[in-house]
Amino acid sequence: MRTSSPKLTRRTVFGGVATAGAVAAAASLLPAVREAAPEPREGQAPKRGGGYSLSDHVRHYYQTARS
């Protein structure tokens, strides 16, 4: 009884090289992973508005509310 083993031919070698090249080209075209946007610093307003910031008029309100 004969067992068949897969042959390594030039066609399979060139096919593998072409596939590896295509994968490398596709990976280089994908966008890079970006870091998360940094948090706004204290006193700096968020870009889209909203959010809480402790400004002078808010501090003044807190001082008047204590009395």
PDB file of N, CA and C in Angstrom:
ATOM      1  N   MET A   1       0.837  -1.171   0.000  1.00  0.00           N
ATOM      2  CA  MET A   1       0.000   0.000   0.000  1.00  0.00           C
ATOM      3  C   MET A   1       0.893   1.249   0.000  1.00  0.00           C
ATOM      4  N   ARG A   2       0.588   2.189  -0.857  1.00  0.00           N
ATOM      5  CA  ARG A   2       1.377   3.412  -0.976  1.00  0.00           C
ATOM      6  C   ARG A   2       0.701   4.554  -0.230  1.00  0.00           C
ATOM      7  N   THR A   3       1.503   5.333   0.454  1.00  0.00           N
ATOM      8  CA  THR A   3       0.980   6.551   1.075  1.00  0.00           C
ATOM      9  C   THR A   3       1.406   7.731   0.220  1.00  0.00           C
ATOM     10  N   SER A   4       0.505   8.620   0.006  1.00  0.00           N
ATOM     11  CA  SER A   4       0.852   9.775  -0.833  1.00  0.00           C
ATOM     12  C   SER A   4       1.320  10.915   0.069  1.00  0.00           C
ATOM     13  N   SER A   5       2.452  11.468  -0.288  1.00  0.00           N
ATOM     14  CA  SER A   5       2.947  12.620   0.461  1.00  0.00           C
ATOM     15  C   SER A   5       2.890  13.838  -0.455  1.00  0.00           C
ATOM     16  N   PRO A   6       2.583  15.004   0.082  1.00  0.00           N
ATOM     17  CA  PRO A   6       2.484  16.186  -0.769  1.00  0.00           C
ATOM     18  C   PRO A   6       3.851  16.565  -1.327  1.00  0.00           C
ATOM     19  N   LYS A   7       3.870  16.950  -2.593  1.00  0.00           N
ATOM     20  CA  LYS A   7       5.115  17.336  -3.238  1.00  0.00           C
ATOM     21  C   LYS A   7       5.338  18.827  -3.057  1.00  0.00           C
ATOM     22  N   LEU A   8       6.574  19.180  -2.904  1.00  0.00           N
ATOM     23  CA  LEU A   8       6.955  20.579  -2.841  1.00  0.00           C
ATOM     24  C   LEU A   8       7.503  20.941  -4.214  1.00  0.00           C
ATOM     25  N   THR A   9       6.662  21.589  -4.990  1.00  0.00           N
ATOM     26  CA  THR A   9       7.061  21.950  -6.339  1.00  0.00           C
ATOM     27  C   THR A   9       7.327  23.454  -6.417  1.00  0.00           C
ATOM     28  N   ARG A  10       7.887  23.856  -7.553  1.00  0.00           N
ATOM     29  CA  ARG A  10       8.142  25.285  -7.745  1.00  0.00           C
ATOM     30  C   ARG A  10       6.840  26.069  -7.721  1.00  0.00           C
ATOM     31  N   ARG A  11       5.798  25.466  -8.230  1.00  0.00           N
ATOM     32  CA  ARG A  11       4.499  26.148  -8.275  1.00  0.00           C
ATOM     33  C   ARG A  11       4.004  26.452  -6.864  1.00  0.00           C
ATOM     34  N   THR A  12       4.119  25.518  -5.935  1.00  0.00           N
ATOM     35  CA  THR A  12       3.665  25.774  -4.569  1.00  0.00           C
ATOM     36  C   THR A  12       4.578  26.770  -3.855  1.00  0.00           C
ATOM     37  N   VAL A  13       5.874  26.740  -4.138  1.00  0.00           N
ATOM     38  CA  VAL A  13       6.805  27.682  -3.527  1.00  0.00           C
ATOM     39  C   VAL A  13       6.485  29.104  -3.992  1.00  0.00           C
ATOM     40  N   PHE A  14       6.325  29.278  -5.315  1.00  0.00           N
ATOM     41  CA  PHE A  14       6.013  30.615  -5.841  1.00  0.00           C
ATOM     42  C   PHE A  14       4.636  31.091  -5.382  1.00  0.00           C
ATOM     43  N   GLY A  15       3.712  30.172  -5.246  1.00  0.00           N
ATOM     44  CA  GLY A  15       2.390  30.541  -4.739  1.00  0.00           C
ATOM     45  C   GLY A  15       2.460  31.029  -3.294  1.00  0.00           C
ATOM     46  N   GLY A  16       3.263  30.351  -2.493  1.00  0.00           N
ATOM     47  CA  GLY A  16       3.436  30.772  -1.100  1.00  0.00           C
ATOM     48  C   GLY A  16       4.131  32.118  -0.987  1.00  0.00           C
ATOM     49  N   VAL A  17       5.137  32.352  -1.839  1.00  0.00           N
ATOM     50  CA  VAL A  17       5.845  33.631  -1.838  1.00  0.00           C
ATOM     51  C   VAL A  17       4.898  34.754  -2.256  1.00  0.00           C
ATOM     52  N   ALA A  18       4.078  34.509  -3.261  1.00  0.00           N
ATOM     53  CA  ALA A  18       3.121  35.519  -3.713  1.00  0.00           C
ATOM     54  C   ALA A  18       2.091  35.824  -2.639  1.00  0.00           C
ATOM     55  N   THR A  19       1.637  34.808  -1.948  1.00  0.00           N
ATOM     56  CA  THR A  19       0.665  35.016  -0.870  1.00  0.00           C
ATOM     57  C   THR A  19       1.283  35.817   0.263  1.00  0.00           C
ATOM     58  N   ALA A  20       2.507  35.495   0.637  1.00  0.00           N
ATOM     59  CA  ALA A  20       3.181  36.230   1.711  1.00  0.00           C
ATOM     60  C   ALA A  20       3.399  37.688   1.314  1.00  0.00           C
ATOM     61  N   GLY A  21       3.740  37.933   0.051  1.00  0.00           N
ATOM     62  CA  GLY A  21       3.907  39.305  -0.424  1.00  0.00           C
ATOM     63  C   GLY A  21       2.606  40.077  -0.395  1.00  0.00           C
ATOM     64  N   ALA A  22       1.517  39.433  -0.778  1.00  0.00           N
ATOM     65  CA  ALA A  22       0.211  40.097  -0.756  1.00  0.00           C
ATOM     66  C   ALA A  22      -0.216  40.430   0.673  1.00  0.00           C
ATOM     67  N   VAL A  23       0.042  39.533   1.596  1.00  0.00           N
ATOM     68  CA  VAL A  23      -0.294  39.789   3.000  1.00  0.00           C
ATOM     69  C   VAL A  23       0.541  40.938   3.555  1.00  0.00           C
ATOM     70  N   ALA A  24       1.814  40.981   3.220  1.00  0.00           N
ATOM     71  CA  ALA A  24       2.685  42.063   3.687  1.00  0.00           C
ATOM     72  C   ALA A  24       2.249  43.404   3.106  1.00  0.00           C
ATOM     73  N   ALA A  25       1.865  43.425   1.835  1.00  0.00           N
ATOM     74  CA  ALA A  25       1.402  44.672   1.214  1.00  0.00           C
ATOM     75  C   ALA A  25       0.102  45.145   1.845  1.00  0.00           C
ATOM     76  N   ALA A  26      -0.812  44.234   2.115  1.00  0.00           N
ATOM     77  CA  ALA A  26      -2.081  44.603   2.736  1.00  0.00           C
ATOM     78  C   ALA A  26      -1.864  45.111   4.161  1.00  0.00           C
ATOM     79  N   ALA A  27      -0.943  44.512   4.887  1.00  0.00           N
ATOM     80  CA  ALA A  27      -0.675  44.941   6.265  1.00  0.00           C
ATOM     81  C   ALA A  27      -0.049  46.327   6.298  1.00  0.00           C
ATOM     82  N   SER A  28       0.746  46.665   5.293  1.00  0.00           N
ATOM     83  CA  SER A  28       1.366  47.992   5.283  1.00  0.00           C
ATOM     84  C   SER A  28       0.363  49.077   4.924  1.00  0.00           C
ATOM     85  N   LEU A  29      -0.718  48.727   4.261  1.00  0.00           N
ATOM     86  CA  LEU A  29      -1.726  49.709   3.874  1.00  0.00           C
ATOM     87  C   LEU A  29      -2.777  49.946   4.947  1.00  0.00           C
ATOM     88  N   LEU A  30      -2.870  49.056   5.910  1.00  0.00           N
ATOM     89  CA  LEU A  30      -3.856  49.222   6.981  1.00  0.00           C
ATOM     90  C   LEU A  30      -3.474  50.415   7.848  1.00  0.00           C
ATOM     91  N   PRO A  31      -4.473  51.129   8.379  1.00  0.00           N
ATOM     92  CA  PRO A  31      -4.149  52.278   9.234  1.00  0.00           C
ATOM     93  C   PRO A  31      -3.487  51.818  10.531  1.00  0.00           C
ATOM     94  N   ALA A  32      -2.594  52.646  11.016  1.00  0.00           N
ATOM     95  CA  ALA A  32      -1.880  52.317  12.254  1.00  0.00           C
ATOM     96  C   ALA A  32      -2.811  52.484  13.454  1.00  0.00           C
ATOM     97  N   VAL A  33      -2.515  51.791  14.519  1.00  0.00           N
ATOM     98  CA  VAL A  33      -3.291  51.904  15.742  1.00  0.00           C
ATOM     99  C   VAL A  33      -2.962  53.243  16.389  1.00  0.00           C
ATOM    100  N   ARG A  34      -3.981  54.008  16.708  1.00  0.00           N
ATOM    101  CA  ARG A  34      -3.775  55.320  17.301  1.00  0.00           C
ATOM    102  C   ARG A  34      -3.955  55.251  18.806  1.00  0.00           C
ATOM    103  N   GLU A  35      -3.249  56.127  19.492  1.00  0.00           N
ATOM    104  CA  GLU A  35      -3.398  56.193  20.940  1.00  0.00           C
ATOM    105  C   GLU A  35      -4.681  56.937  21.275  1.00  0.00           C
ATOM    106  N   ALA A  36      -5.196  56.690  22.464  1.00  0.00           N
ATOM    107  CA  ALA A  36      -6.403  57.378  22.904  1.00  0.00           C
ATOM    108  C   ALA A  36      -6.115  58.867  23.057  1.00  0.00           C
ATOM    109  N   ALA A  37      -7.140  59.667  22.837  1.00  0.00           N
ATOM    110  CA  ALA A  37      -6.983  61.121  22.953  1.00  0.00           C
ATOM    111  C   ALA A  37      -6.679  61.484  24.402  1.00  0.00           C
ATOM    112  N   PRO A  38      -5.771  62.403  24.633  1.00  0.00           N
ATOM    113  CA  PRO A  38      -5.452  62.783  26.009  1.00  0.00           C
ATOM    114  C   PRO A  38      -6.621  63.507  26.665  1.00  0.00           C
ATOM    115  N   GLU A  39      -6.715  63.346  27.964  1.00  0.00           N
ATOM    116  CA  GLU A  39      -7.766  64.013  28.729  1.00  0.00           C
ATOM    117  C   GLU A  39      -7.509  65.512  28.749  1.00  0.00           C
ATOM    118  N   PRO A  40      -8.568  66.329  28.721  1.00  0.00           N
ATOM    119  CA  PRO A  40      -8.358  67.773  28.787  1.00  0.00           C
ATOM    120  C   PRO A  40      -7.749  68.173  30.129  1.00  0.00           C
ATOM    121  N   ARG A  41      -6.880  69.151  30.085  1.00  0.00           N
ATOM    122  CA  ARG A  41      -6.252  69.624  31.317  1.00  0.00           C
ATOM    123  C   ARG A  41      -7.236  70.455  32.116  1.00  0.00           C
ATOM    124  N   GLU A  42      -6.913  70.666  33.374  1.00  0.00           N
ATOM    125  CA  GLU A  42      -7.771  71.468  34.226  1.00  0.00           C
ATOM    126  C   GLU A  42      -7.809  72.895  33.689  1.00  0.00           C
ATOM    127  N   GLY A  43      -9.003  73.450  33.571  1.00  0.00           N
ATOM    128  CA  GLY A  43      -9.162  74.795  33.063  1.00  0.00           C
ATOM    129  C   GLY A  43      -9.287  74.859  31.559  1.00  0.00           C
ATOM    130  N   GLN A  44      -9.103  73.744  30.879  1.00  0.00           N
ATOM    131  CA  GLN A  44      -9.215  73.710  29.430  1.00  0.00           C
ATOM    132  C   GLN A  44     -10.573  73.094  29.075  1.00  0.00           C
ATOM    133  N   ALA A  45     -11.336  73.802  28.259  1.00  0.00           N
ATOM    134  CA  ALA A  45     -12.667  73.329  27.900  1.00  0.00           C
ATOM    135  C   ALA A  45     -12.577  72.133  26.954  1.00  0.00           C
ATOM    136  N   PRO A  46     -13.495  71.182  27.072  1.00  0.00           N
ATOM    137  CA  PRO A  46     -13.527  70.065  26.132  1.00  0.00           C
ATOM    138  C   PRO A  46     -13.808  70.563  24.716  1.00  0.00           C
ATOM    139  N   LYS A  47     -13.398  69.815  23.711  1.00  0.00           N
ATOM    140  CA  LYS A  47     -13.548  70.240  22.314  1.00  0.00           C
ATOM    141  C   LYS A  47     -15.008  70.350  21.901  1.00  0.00           C
ATOM    142  N   ARG A  48     -15.832  69.429  22.308  1.00  0.00           N
ATOM    143  CA  ARG A  48     -17.225  69.423  21.884  1.00  0.00           C
ATOM    144  C   ARG A  48     -18.153  70.065  22.903  1.00  0.00           C
ATOM    145  N   GLY A  49     -17.609  70.711  23.879  1.00  0.00           N
ATOM    146  CA  GLY A  49     -18.449  71.325  24.897  1.00  0.00           C
ATOM    147  C   GLY A  49     -18.881  70.303  25.929  1.00  0.00           C
ATOM    148  N   GLY A  50     -19.599  70.766  26.910  1.00  0.00           N
ATOM    149  CA  GLY A  50     -20.046  69.862  27.954  1.00  0.00           C
ATOM    150  C   GLY A  50     -18.941  69.599  28.942  1.00  0.00           C
ATOM    151  N   GLY A  51     -19.232  68.834  29.934  1.00  0.00           N
ATOM    152  CA  GLY A  51     -18.228  68.544  30.938  1.00  0.00           C
ATOM    153  C   GLY A  51     -18.202  69.610  32.021  1.00  0.00           C
ATOM    154  N   TYR A  52     -17.600  69.319  33.109  1.00  0.00           N
ATOM    155  CA  TYR A  52     -17.551  70.217  34.244  1.00  0.00           C
ATOM    156  C   TYR A  52     -16.178  70.841  34.326  1.00  0.00           C
ATOM    157  N   SER A  53     -16.150  72.150  34.557  1.00  0.00           N
ATOM    158  CA  SER A  53     -14.883  72.820  34.805  1.00  0.00           C
ATOM    159  C   SER A  53     -15.083  73.814  35.940  1.00  0.00           C
ATOM    160  N   LEU A  54     -14.137  73.845  36.837  1.00  0.00           N
ATOM    161  CA  LEU A  54     -14.203  74.725  37.990  1.00  0.00           C
ATOM    162  C   LEU A  54     -13.626  76.074  37.587  1.00  0.00           C
ATOM    163  N   SER A  55     -14.506  76.962  37.158  1.00  0.00           N
ATOM    164  CA  SER A  55     -14.065  78.284  36.716  1.00  0.00           C
ATOM    165  C   SER A  55     -14.315  79.304  37.825  1.00  0.00           C
ATOM    166  N   ASP A  56     -13.939  80.563  37.569  1.00  0.00           N
ATOM    167  CA  ASP A  56     -14.072  81.619  38.586  1.00  0.00           C
ATOM    168  C   ASP A  56     -15.524  81.841  38.987  1.00  0.00           C
ATOM    169  N   HIS A  57     -16.437  81.865  38.024  1.00  0.00           N
ATOM    170  CA  HIS A  57     -17.834  82.115  38.399  1.00  0.00           C
ATOM    171  C   HIS A  57     -18.430  80.950  39.187  1.00  0.00           C
ATOM    172  N   VAL A  58     -17.966  79.738  38.942  1.00  0.00           N
ATOM    173  CA  VAL A  58     -18.437  78.589  39.724  1.00  0.00           C
ATOM    174  C   VAL A  58     -17.876  78.680  41.144  1.00  0.00           C
ATOM    175  N   ARG A  59     -16.616  79.059  41.293  1.00  0.00           N
ATOM    176  CA  ARG A  59     -16.039  79.242  42.634  1.00  0.00           C
ATOM    177  C   ARG A  59     -16.793  80.328  43.393  1.00  0.00           C
ATOM    178  N   HIS A  60     -17.152  81.405  42.710  1.00  0.00           N
ATOM    179  CA  HIS A  60     -17.906  82.485  43.345  1.00  0.00           C
ATOM    180  C   HIS A  60     -19.274  81.979  43.828  1.00  0.00           C
ATOM    181  N   TYR A  61     -19.917  81.155  43.021  1.00  0.00           N
ATOM    182  CA  TYR A  61     -21.192  80.581  43.430  1.00  0.00           C
ATOM    183  C   TYR A  61     -21.020  79.713  44.675  1.00  0.00           C
ATOM    184  N   TYR A  62     -19.997  78.903  44.713  1.00  0.00           N
ATOM    185  CA  TYR A  62     -19.765  78.053  45.890  1.00  0.00           C
ATOM    186  C   TYR A  62     -19.537  78.911  47.141  1.00  0.00           C
ATOM    187  N   GLN A  63     -18.815  80.005  46.984  1.00  0.00           N
ATOM    188  CA  GLN A  63     -18.557  80.877  48.144  1.00  0.00           C
ATOM    189  C   GLN A  63     -19.853  81.503  48.619  1.00  0.00           C
ATOM    190  N   THR A  64     -20.709  81.940  47.717  1.00  0.00           N
ATOM    191  CA  THR A  64     -21.979  82.548  48.138  1.00  0.00           C
ATOM    192  C   THR A  64     -22.947  81.517  48.692  1.00  0.00           C
ATOM    193  N   ALA A  65     -22.854  80.282  48.231  1.00  0.00           N
ATOM    194  CA  ALA A  65     -23.767  79.242  48.717  1.00  0.00           C
ATOM    195  C   ALA A  65     -23.392  78.770  50.111  1.00  0.00           C
ATOM    196  N   ARG A  66     -22.144  78.947  50.525  1.00  0.00           N
ATOM    197  CA  ARG A  66     -21.725  78.535  51.875  1.00  0.00           C
ATOM    198  C   ARG A  66     -22.351  79.401  52.942  1.00  0.00           C
ATOM    199  N   SER A  67     -22.572  80.649  52.633  1.00  0.00           N
ATOM    200  CA  SER A  67     -23.051  81.606  53.632  1.00  0.00           C
ATOM    201  C   SER A  67     -24.464  81.327  54.067  1.00  0.00           C
TER     202      SER A  67
END
